[in-house]
C-alpha atoms as a PDB file:
ATOM      1  CA  MET A   1      93.069  54.128  93.679  1.00  0.00           C
ATOM      2  CA  PRO A   2      91.354  51.077  92.874  1.00  0.00           C
ATOM      3  CA  SER A   3      91.660  49.732  89.153  1.00  0.00           C
ATOM      4  CA  GLN A   4      87.796  49.781  88.989  1.00  0.00           C
ATOM      5  CA  GLN A   5      87.634  53.432  90.132  1.00  0.00           C
ATOM      6  CA  GLN A   6      90.571  54.468  88.061  1.00  0.00           C
ATOM      7  CA  ALA A   7      88.667  52.797  85.061  1.00  0.00           C
ATOM      8  CA  ASN A   8      85.563  54.872  85.868  1.00  0.00           C
ATOM      9  CA  ILE A   9      87.448  57.860  85.957  1.00  0.00           C
ATOM     10  CA  GLU A  10      89.089  57.478  82.663  1.00  0.00           C
ATOM     11  CA  ARG A  11      85.743  56.682  81.172  1.00  0.00           C
ATOM     12  CA  LEU A  12      84.653  60.197  82.714  1.00  0.00           C
ATOM     13  CA  TRP A  13      87.647  61.829  81.322  1.00  0.00           C
ATOM     14  CA  ASP A  14      87.036  60.347  77.780  1.00  0.00           C
ATOM     15  CA  LYS A  15      83.295  61.445  77.761  1.00  0.00           C
ATOM     16  CA  TRP A  16      84.070  64.870  79.050  1.00  0.00           C
ATOM     17  CA  ARG A  17      87.184  65.552  76.696  1.00  0.00           C
ATOM     18  CA  ASN A  18      85.781  63.848  73.453  1.00  0.00           C
ATOM     19  CA  ASP A  19      82.242  64.116  73.632  1.00  0.00           C
ATOM     20  CA  GLY A  20      81.732  67.344  75.866  1.00  0.00           C
ATOM     21  CA  ASP A  21      79.506  65.423  78.255  1.00  0.00           C
ATOM     22  CA  PRO A  22      78.322  67.869  80.741  1.00  0.00           C
ATOM     23  CA  GLU A  23      77.237  65.093  83.489  1.00  0.00           C
ATOM     24  CA  ALA A  24      80.733  63.666  83.297  1.00  0.00           C
ATOM     25  CA  TYR A  25      82.152  67.224  83.980  1.00  0.00           C
ATOM     26  CA  HIS A  26      79.999  67.661  87.018  1.00  0.00           C
ATOM     27  CA  GLN A  27      81.163  64.387  88.194  1.00  0.00           C
ATOM     28  CA  LEU A  28      84.856  64.933  87.734  1.00  0.00           C
ATOM     29  CA  VAL A  29      84.377  68.375  89.379  1.00  0.00           C
ATOM     30  CA  ASN A  30      82.615  66.593  92.428  1.00  0.00           C
ATOM     31  CA  HIS A  31      85.364  64.129  92.404  1.00  0.00           C
ATOM     32  CA  TYR A  32      88.379  66.373  92.344  1.00  0.00           C
ATOM     33  CA  ILE A  33      86.881  69.683  94.236  1.00  0.00           C
ATOM     34  CA  GLY A  34      88.424  68.649  97.541  1.00  0.00           C
ATOM     35  CA  ILE A  35      91.779  69.617  95.868  1.00  0.00           C
ATOM     36  CA  VAL A  36      91.168  73.212  96.078  1.00  0.00           C
ATOM     37  CA  ASP A  37      90.293  73.316  99.646  1.00  0.00           C
ATOM     38  CA  GLN A  38      93.314  71.466 100.385  1.00  0.00           C
ATOM     39  CA  ILE A  39      95.528  73.791  98.874  1.00  0.00           C
ATOM     40  CA  VAL A  40      93.671  76.821 100.278  1.00  0.00           C
ATOM     41  CA  LEU A  41      94.145  75.299 103.829  1.00  0.00           C
ATOM     42  CA  LYS A  42      97.877  74.838 103.355  1.00  0.00           C
ATOM     43  CA  MET A  43      98.498  78.389 101.788  1.00  0.00           C
ATOM     44  CA  GLN A  44      96.153  80.313 104.000  1.00  0.00           C
ATOM     45  CA  PRO A  45      98.472  80.434 107.337  1.00  0.00           C
ATOM     46  CA  THR A  46     101.261  82.091 105.139  1.00  0.00           C
ATOM     47  CA  ILE A  47      98.953  84.615 103.664  1.00  0.00           C
ATOM     48  CA  SER A  48      97.578  87.776 105.301  1.00  0.00           C
ATOM     49  CA  ASP A  49      94.541  87.450 107.642  1.00  0.00           C
ATOM     50  CA  GLN A  50      93.149  90.532 105.203  1.00  0.00           C
ATOM     51  CA  VAL A  51      92.369  87.649 102.773  1.00  0.00           C
ATOM     52  CA  THR A  52      89.492  85.332 103.702  1.00  0.00           C
ATOM     53  CA  PHE A  53      89.451  81.575 103.082  1.00  0.00           C
ATOM     54  CA  ASP A  54      86.434  82.180 100.557  1.00  0.00           C
ATOM     55  CA  GLU A  55      88.370  84.610  98.763  1.00  0.00           C
ATOM     56  CA  LEU A  56      91.448  82.207  98.107  1.00  0.00           C
ATOM     57  CA  ARG A  57      89.057  79.485  97.355  1.00  0.00           C
ATOM     58  CA  SER A  58      87.186  81.606  94.784  1.00  0.00           C
ATOM     59  CA  HIS A  59      90.729  82.510  93.167  1.00  0.00           C
ATOM     60  CA  GLY A  60      91.733  78.670  93.341  1.00  0.00           C
ATOM     61  CA  MET A  61      88.584  77.554  91.635  1.00  0.00           C
ATOM     62  CA  LEU A  62      89.526  79.316  88.393  1.00  0.00           C
ATOM     63  CA  GLY A  63      92.666  77.570  88.165  1.00  0.00           C
ATOM     64  CA  PHE A  64      90.772  74.293  89.192  1.00  0.00           C
ATOM     65  CA  LEU A  65      88.375  74.677  86.273  1.00  0.00           C
ATOM     66  CA  ASP A  66      90.803  75.653  84.050  1.00  0.00           C
ATOM     67  CA  ALA A  67      92.656  72.509  84.556  1.00  0.00           C
ATOM     68  CA  LEU A  68      89.754  70.510  83.980  1.00  0.00           C
ATOM     69  CA  LYS A  69      89.323  71.964  80.511  1.00  0.00           C
ATOM     70  CA  LYS A  70      93.049  71.550  79.548  1.00  0.00           C
ATOM     71  CA  PHE A  71      94.039  68.267  81.377  1.00  0.00           C
ATOM     72  CA  ASP A  72      95.122  65.369  78.989  1.00  0.00           C
ATOM     73  CA  TYR A  73      94.486  62.139  80.878  1.00  0.00           C
ATOM     74  CA  GLN A  74      95.983  60.045  77.998  1.00  0.00           C
ATOM     75  CA  LYS A  75      99.482  61.547  78.755  1.00  0.00           C
ATOM     76  CA  GLY A  76      99.504  59.541  81.802  1.00  0.00           C
ATOM     77  CA  TYR A  77      99.730  62.312  84.232  1.00  0.00           C
ATOM     78  CA  GLN A  78      97.932  62.719  87.672  1.00  0.00           C
ATOM     79  CA  PHE A  79      95.108  65.089  87.517  1.00  0.00           C
ATOM     80  CA  GLU A  80      95.973  66.065  91.351  1.00  0.00           C
ATOM     81  CA  THR A  81      99.470  67.140  90.337  1.00  0.00           C
ATOM     82  CA  TYR A  82      98.352  69.079  87.323  1.00  0.00           C
ATOM     83  CA  ALA A  83      95.472  70.797  88.925  1.00  0.00           C
ATOM     84  CA  SER A  84      97.702  71.683  92.089  1.00  0.00           C
ATOM     85  CA  GLN A  85      99.930  73.759  90.140  1.00  0.00           C
ATOM     86  CA  ARG A  86      97.347  75.879  88.406  1.00  0.00           C
ATOM     87  CA  ILE A  87      95.257  76.258  91.517  1.00  0.00           C
ATOM     88  CA  ARG A  88      98.367  77.695  93.455  1.00  0.00           C
ATOM     89  CA  GLY A  89      99.083  79.788  90.584  1.00  0.00           C
ATOM     90  CA  SER A  90      95.611  81.151  90.199  1.00  0.00           C
ATOM     91  CA  ILE A  91      95.448  82.156  93.844  1.00  0.00           C
ATOM     92  CA  LEU A  92      98.753  83.955  93.537  1.00  0.00           C
ATOM     93  CA  ASP A  93      97.650  85.723  90.309  1.00  0.00           C
ATOM     94  CA  GLY A  94      94.410  86.616  91.668  1.00  0.00           C
ATOM     95  CA  LEU A  95      95.919  88.239  94.969  1.00  0.00           C
ATOM     96  CA  ARG A  96      98.343  90.246  92.603  1.00  0.00           C
ATOM     97  CA  GLN A  97      95.729  91.132  90.378  1.00  0.00           C
ATOM     98  CA  THR A  98      93.689  92.917  93.234  1.00  0.00           C
ATOM     99  CA  ASP A  99      96.901  94.595  94.236  1.00  0.00           C
ATOM    100  CA  TRP A 100      95.959  94.416  97.830  1.00  0.00           C
ATOM    101  CA  ILE A 101      99.565  94.359  99.267  1.00  0.00           C
ATOM    102  CA  PRO A 102     100.541  97.739 100.416  1.00  0.00           C
ATOM    103  CA  ARG A 103     103.692  99.328  99.302  1.00  0.00           C
ATOM    104  CA  SER A 104     105.069  99.704 102.297  1.00  0.00           C
ATOM    105  CA  VAL A 105     104.833  95.837 103.008  1.00  0.00           C
ATOM    106  CA  ARG A 106     106.730  95.288  99.524  1.00  0.00           C
ATOM    107  CA  GLU A 107     109.563  97.732 100.922  1.00  0.00           C
ATOM    108  CA  LYS A 108     109.855  96.083 104.192  1.00  0.00           C
ATOM    109  CA  ALA A 109     110.324  92.861 102.239  1.00  0.00           C
ATOM    110  CA  LYS A 110     112.968  94.271 100.029  1.00  0.00           C
ATOM    111  CA  LYS A 111     114.802  95.526 102.663  1.00  0.00           C
ATOM    112  CA  ILE A 112     114.807  92.398 104.802  1.00  0.00           C
ATOM    113  CA  GLN A 113     115.861  90.270 101.667  1.00  0.00           C
ATOM    114  CA  MET A 114     118.792  92.733 101.118  1.00  0.00           C
ATOM    115  CA  ALA A 115     119.869  92.426 104.893  1.00  0.00           C
ATOM    116  CA  TYR A 116     120.112  88.574 104.510  1.00  0.00           C
ATOM    117  CA  GLN A 117     121.760  88.817 101.221  1.00  0.00           C
ATOM    118  CA  GLU A 118     124.681  91.220 102.177  1.00  0.00           C
ATOM    119  CA  LEU A 119     125.100  89.960 105.808  1.00  0.00           C
ATOM    120  CA  GLU A 120     125.518  86.260 104.684  1.00  0.00           C
ATOM    121  CA  GLN A 121     127.599  87.478 101.672  1.00  0.00           C
ATOM    122  CA  LYS A 122     129.890  89.289 104.575  1.00  0.00           C
ATOM    123  CA  TYR A 123     129.933  86.678 107.308  1.00  0.00           C
ATOM    124  CA  LEU A 124     129.748  83.369 104.836  1.00  0.00           C
ATOM    125  CA  ARG A 125     127.161  81.839 107.437  1.00  0.00           C
ATOM    126  CA  SER A 126     123.683  82.197 108.195  1.00  0.00           C
ATOM    127  CA  VAL A 127     123.108  85.165 110.207  1.00  0.00           C
ATOM    128  CA  THR A 128     121.133  85.470 113.576  1.00  0.00           C
ATOM    129  CA  ASP A 129     117.983  87.380 113.956  1.00  0.00           C
ATOM    130  CA  LYS A 130     119.886  89.770 116.089  1.00  0.00           C
ATOM    131  CA  GLU A 131     122.293  90.783 113.567  1.00  0.00           C
ATOM    132  CA  VAL A 132     119.434  91.075 110.907  1.00  0.00           C
ATOM    133  CA  SER A 133     117.466  93.267 113.259  1.00  0.00           C
ATOM    134  CA  GLU A 134     120.574  95.524 114.106  1.00  0.00           C
ATOM    135  CA  TYR A 135     121.264  95.890 110.548  1.00  0.00           C
ATOM    136  CA  LEU A 136     117.719  97.032 109.788  1.00  0.00           C
ATOM    137  CA  HIS A 137     117.900  99.347 112.952  1.00  0.00           C
ATOM    138  CA  LEU A 138     115.061  97.507 114.513  1.00  0.00           C
ATOM    139  CA  SER A 139     114.522  95.623 117.737  1.00  0.00           C
ATOM    140  CA  VAL A 140     114.197  91.793 117.525  1.00  0.00           C
ATOM    141  CA  GLU A 141     110.761  92.203 118.364  1.00  0.00           C
ATOM    142  CA  GLU A 142     109.943  94.838 115.222  1.00  0.00           C
ATOM    143  CA  PHE A 143     112.064  92.446 113.221  1.00  0.00           C
ATOM    144  CA  TYR A 144     109.712  89.802 114.008  1.00  0.00           C
ATOM    145  CA  GLN A 145     106.645  91.891 113.437  1.00  0.00           C
ATOM    146  CA  GLN A 146     107.956  92.672 109.840  1.00  0.00           C
ATOM    147  CA  LEU A 147     108.585  88.998 109.466  1.00  0.00           C
ATOM    148  CA  LYS A 148     104.905  88.454 110.121  1.00  0.00           C
ATOM    149  CA  GLU A 149     103.699  91.423 108.146  1.00  0.00           C
ATOM    150  CA  THR A 150     105.602  89.906 104.868  1.00  0.00           C
ATOM    151  CA  SER A 151     105.170  86.153 105.348  1.00  0.00           C
ATOM    152  CA  PHE A 152     102.125  85.778 102.687  1.00  0.00           C
ATOM    153  CA  LEU A 153     104.453  86.989 100.218  1.00  0.00           C
ATOM    154  CA  HIS A 154     106.007  83.477 100.138  1.00  0.00           C
ATOM    155  CA  CYS A 155     103.269  81.309  99.704  1.00  0.00           C
ATOM    156  CA  LEU A 156     104.277  79.043  96.769  1.00  0.00           C
ATOM    157  CA  SER A 157     107.068  76.515  95.892  1.00  0.00           C
ATOM    158  CA  LEU A 158     110.782  77.416  95.755  1.00  0.00           C
ATOM    159  CA  ASP A 159     110.817  75.955  92.237  1.00  0.00           C
ATOM    160  CA  GLU A 160     107.398  75.107  91.344  1.00  0.00           C
ATOM    161  CA  PRO A 161     106.485  74.526  87.501  1.00  0.00           C
ATOM    162  CA  VAL A 162     103.835  76.621  85.921  1.00  0.00           C
ATOM    163  CA  ASP A 163     103.561  74.361  82.767  1.00  0.00           C
ATOM    164  CA  PHE A 164     103.532  70.745  83.086  1.00  0.00           C
ATOM    165  CA  ASP A 165     106.420  69.891  81.090  1.00  0.00           C
ATOM    166  CA  GLN A 166     108.421  71.071  84.109  1.00  0.00           C
ATOM    167  CA  GLU A 167     110.190  73.836  82.006  1.00  0.00           C
ATOM    168  CA  THR A 168     109.008  77.052  83.564  1.00  0.00           C
ATOM    169  CA  THR A 169     109.117  77.464  87.114  1.00  0.00           C
ATOM    170  CA  ARG A 170     107.924  80.159  89.715  1.00  0.00           C
ATOM    171  CA  LYS A 171     111.654  81.102  90.609  1.00  0.00           C
ATOM    172  CA  THR A 172     110.322  84.557  90.610  1.00  0.00           C
ATOM    173  CA  LEU A 173     109.226  84.134  94.112  1.00  0.00           C
ATOM    174  CA  LEU A 174     112.853  83.975  95.036  1.00  0.00           C
ATOM    175  CA  GLU A 175     114.081  86.778  92.816  1.00  0.00           C
ATOM    176  CA  ASP A 176     113.435  90.166  91.494  1.00  0.00           C
ATOM    177  CA  PRO A 177     110.659  89.676  88.886  1.00  0.00           C
ATOM    178  CA  ARG A 178     112.035  92.544  86.927  1.00  0.00           C
ATOM    179  CA  GLN A 179     115.533  90.262  86.349  1.00  0.00           C
ATOM    180  CA  ASN A 180     115.423  87.535  84.060  1.00  0.00           C
ATOM    181  CA  LEU A 181     118.242  85.105  85.355  1.00  0.00           C
ATOM    182  CA  ASP A 182     117.272  82.436  82.787  1.00  0.00           C
ATOM    183  CA  GLU A 183     118.873  84.649  80.059  1.00  0.00           C
ATOM    184  CA  LYS A 184     122.300  84.665  82.109  1.00  0.00           C
ATOM    185  CA  ILE A 185     122.561  81.212  83.594  1.00  0.00           C
ATOM    186  CA  ASN A 186     121.857  77.558  83.299  1.00  0.00           C
ATOM    187  CA  ARG A 187     118.743  76.410  84.847  1.00  0.00           C
ATOM    188  CA  GLU A 188     120.385  73.458  86.362  1.00  0.00           C
ATOM    189  CA  PHE A 189     123.007  75.597  88.007  1.00  0.00           C
ATOM    190  CA  VAL A 190     120.331  77.494  89.691  1.00  0.00           C
ATOM    191  CA  ARG A 191     118.694  74.363  91.249  1.00  0.00           C
ATOM    192  CA  ASP A 192     121.975  73.506  92.434  1.00  0.00           C
ATOM    193  CA  VAL A 193     122.622  76.790  94.132  1.00  0.00           C
ATOM    194  CA  LEU A 194     119.239  76.308  95.649  1.00  0.00           C
ATOM    195  CA  ALA A 195     119.990  72.776  96.789  1.00  0.00           C
ATOM    196  CA  LYS A 196     123.226  73.902  98.513  1.00  0.00           C
ATOM    197  CA  SER A 197     121.634  77.096  99.964  1.00  0.00           C
ATOM    198  CA  ILE A 198     118.716  74.867 101.591  1.00  0.00           C
ATOM    199  CA  ASP A 199     121.471  72.440 102.822  1.00  0.00           C
ATOM    200  CA  ARG A 200     123.164  75.434 104.760  1.00  0.00           C
ATOM    201  CA  LEU A 201     119.870  76.726 106.509  1.00  0.00           C
ATOM    202  CA  PRO A 202     119.828  76.572 110.326  1.00  0.00           C
ATOM    203  CA  GLU A 203     118.478  73.109 111.150  1.00  0.00           C
ATOM    204  CA  LYS A 204     115.026  74.307 112.183  1.00  0.00           C
ATOM    205  CA  GLU A 205     114.452  76.402 109.056  1.00  0.00           C
ATOM    206  CA  LYS A 206     115.788  73.556 106.809  1.00  0.00           C
ATOM    207  CA  LEU A 207     113.427  71.073 108.684  1.00  0.00           C
ATOM    208  CA  VAL A 208     110.255  73.523 108.063  1.00  0.00           C
ATOM    209  CA  ILE A 209     111.275  73.806 104.268  1.00  0.00           C
ATOM    210  CA  THR A 210     111.565  69.993 103.994  1.00  0.00           C
ATOM    211  CA  LEU A 211     108.316  69.245 105.828  1.00  0.00           C
ATOM    212  CA  TYR A 212     106.370  72.137 103.737  1.00  0.00           C
ATOM    213  CA  TYR A 213     107.727  71.578 100.022  1.00  0.00           C
ATOM    214  CA  TYR A 214     108.622  67.938  99.969  1.00  0.00           C
ATOM    215  CA  GLU A 215     106.473  66.173 102.268  1.00  0.00           C
ATOM    216  CA  GLU A 216     103.597  68.853 101.564  1.00  0.00           C
ATOM    217  CA  LEU A 217     102.485  69.392 105.011  1.00  0.00           C
ATOM    218  CA  ASN A 218     100.736  72.574 106.011  1.00  0.00           C
ATOM    219  CA  ILE A 219     101.715  75.143 108.966  1.00  0.00           C
ATOM    220  CA  THR A 220      99.655  73.442 111.323  1.00  0.00           C
ATOM    221  CA  GLU A 221     100.611  69.874 110.754  1.00  0.00           C
ATOM    222  CA  ILE A 222     104.127  71.007 110.966  1.00  0.00           C
ATOM    223  CA  SER A 223     103.624  72.716 114.326  1.00  0.00           C
ATOM    224  CA  GLU A 224     102.392  69.576 115.532  1.00  0.00           C
ATOM    225  CA  ILE A 225     105.141  67.643 114.567  1.00  0.00           C
ATOM    226  CA  LEU A 226     107.599  70.342 115.768  1.00  0.00           C
ATOM    227  CA  GLY A 227     105.970  71.205 118.961  1.00  0.00           C
ATOM    228  CA  LEU A 228     105.954  74.721 117.931  1.00  0.00           C
ATOM    229  CA  SER A 229     103.333  77.449 117.558  1.00  0.00           C
ATOM    230  CA  PRO A 230     102.114  77.803 113.961  1.00  0.00           C
ATOM    231  CA  SER A 231     103.151  81.556 114.135  1.00  0.00           C
ATOM    232  CA  ARG A 232     106.453  80.203 114.772  1.00  0.00           C
ATOM    233  CA  ILE A 233     106.523  77.822 112.014  1.00  0.00           C
ATOM    234  CA  SER A 234     105.578  80.815 109.714  1.00  0.00           C
ATOM    235  CA  GLN A 235     108.302  82.854 111.147  1.00  0.00           C
ATOM    236  CA  LEU A 236     110.900  79.982 110.426  1.00  0.00           C
ATOM    237  CA  HIS A 237     109.512  79.520 107.008  1.00  0.00           C
ATOM    238  CA  THR A 238     109.827  83.150 106.023  1.00  0.00           C
ATOM    239  CA  LYS A 239     113.192  83.396 107.451  1.00  0.00           C
ATOM    240  CA  ALA A 240     114.186  80.613 105.346  1.00  0.00           C
ATOM    241  CA  ILE A 241     112.720  82.024 102.178  1.00  0.00           C
ATOM    242  CA  TYR A 242     114.416  85.319 102.637  1.00  0.00           C
ATOM    243  CA  ARG A 243     117.768  83.268 102.991  1.00  0.00           C
ATOM    244  CA  LEU A 244     117.323  81.712  99.890  1.00  0.00           C
ATOM    245  CA  ARG A 245     116.160  84.859  98.162  1.00  0.00           C
ATOM    246  CA  GLY A 246     119.404  86.287  99.239  1.00  0.00           C
ATOM    247  CA  ALA A 247     121.472  83.506  97.798  1.00  0.00           C
ATOM    248  CA  LEU A 248     120.049  83.982  94.487  1.00  0.00           C
ATOM    249  CA  GLY A 249     120.373  87.512  94.647  1.00  0.00           C
ATOM    250  CA  ARG A 250     124.226  86.914  95.577  1.00  0.00           C
ATOM    251  CA  LEU A 251     124.276  84.807  92.364  1.00  0.00           C
ATOM    252  CA  LYS A 252     122.758  87.286  90.395  1.00  0.00           C
ATOM    253  CA  ASN A 253     125.138  90.064  91.518  1.00  0.00           C
ATOM    254  CA  HIS A 254     128.038  87.705  90.841  1.00  0.00           C
ATOM    255  CA  LEU A 255     127.099  87.191  87.167  1.00  0.00           C
ATOM    256  CA  LEU A 256     126.091  90.850  86.187  1.00  0.00           C
END
């Protein structure tokens, strides 16, 4: 960002935060509003088509506006990073509050996670789709359908902070939310387990995780890079998350 433009933005933040200037607020909204659409476009392919773009954007706007009220530019942080965390969190919270996810879908997700957890503990390697489908007493095609039905449950980062000090994370996406692993193990140990688990993923799944979470590409962009359909990329992403959740599940069982 050019220095002059940066200076203008900082003046707007100063007027809004210190003086409550409504005009400065509206200019900041107009300047940063595109962040919401970018995040919704990235998350939407991993969320059920029962939820529209406008519904996701509405949830995201709540996080965006909250970020505008709470952001302290004087700390030297980037607003884009700060707001992105809250927009994603607000979208997920909005979906949870509407309780639109059928119990049957949650049960399928739980069974798939358990399959990866138990099989990979047994074989000490990444298991195949055929092995997982046989464990679940499904055909491979039925297994793929269940992956599709549950893919939207994994739409946020593996270890995404929910506070800007980077202390509290959304590891609940990889854990049973009723369990509090942070009371049992060191945070750095969990991160080490995740890093090693990512490294052991099948090559395509590891590449999708890297491009999605570290390069911050969306499903469509990754599909173009790898020459695969968006649905195939979503499937690879979902399987990788189940494997990682299974790895944390094995860790939890070992410690309990």
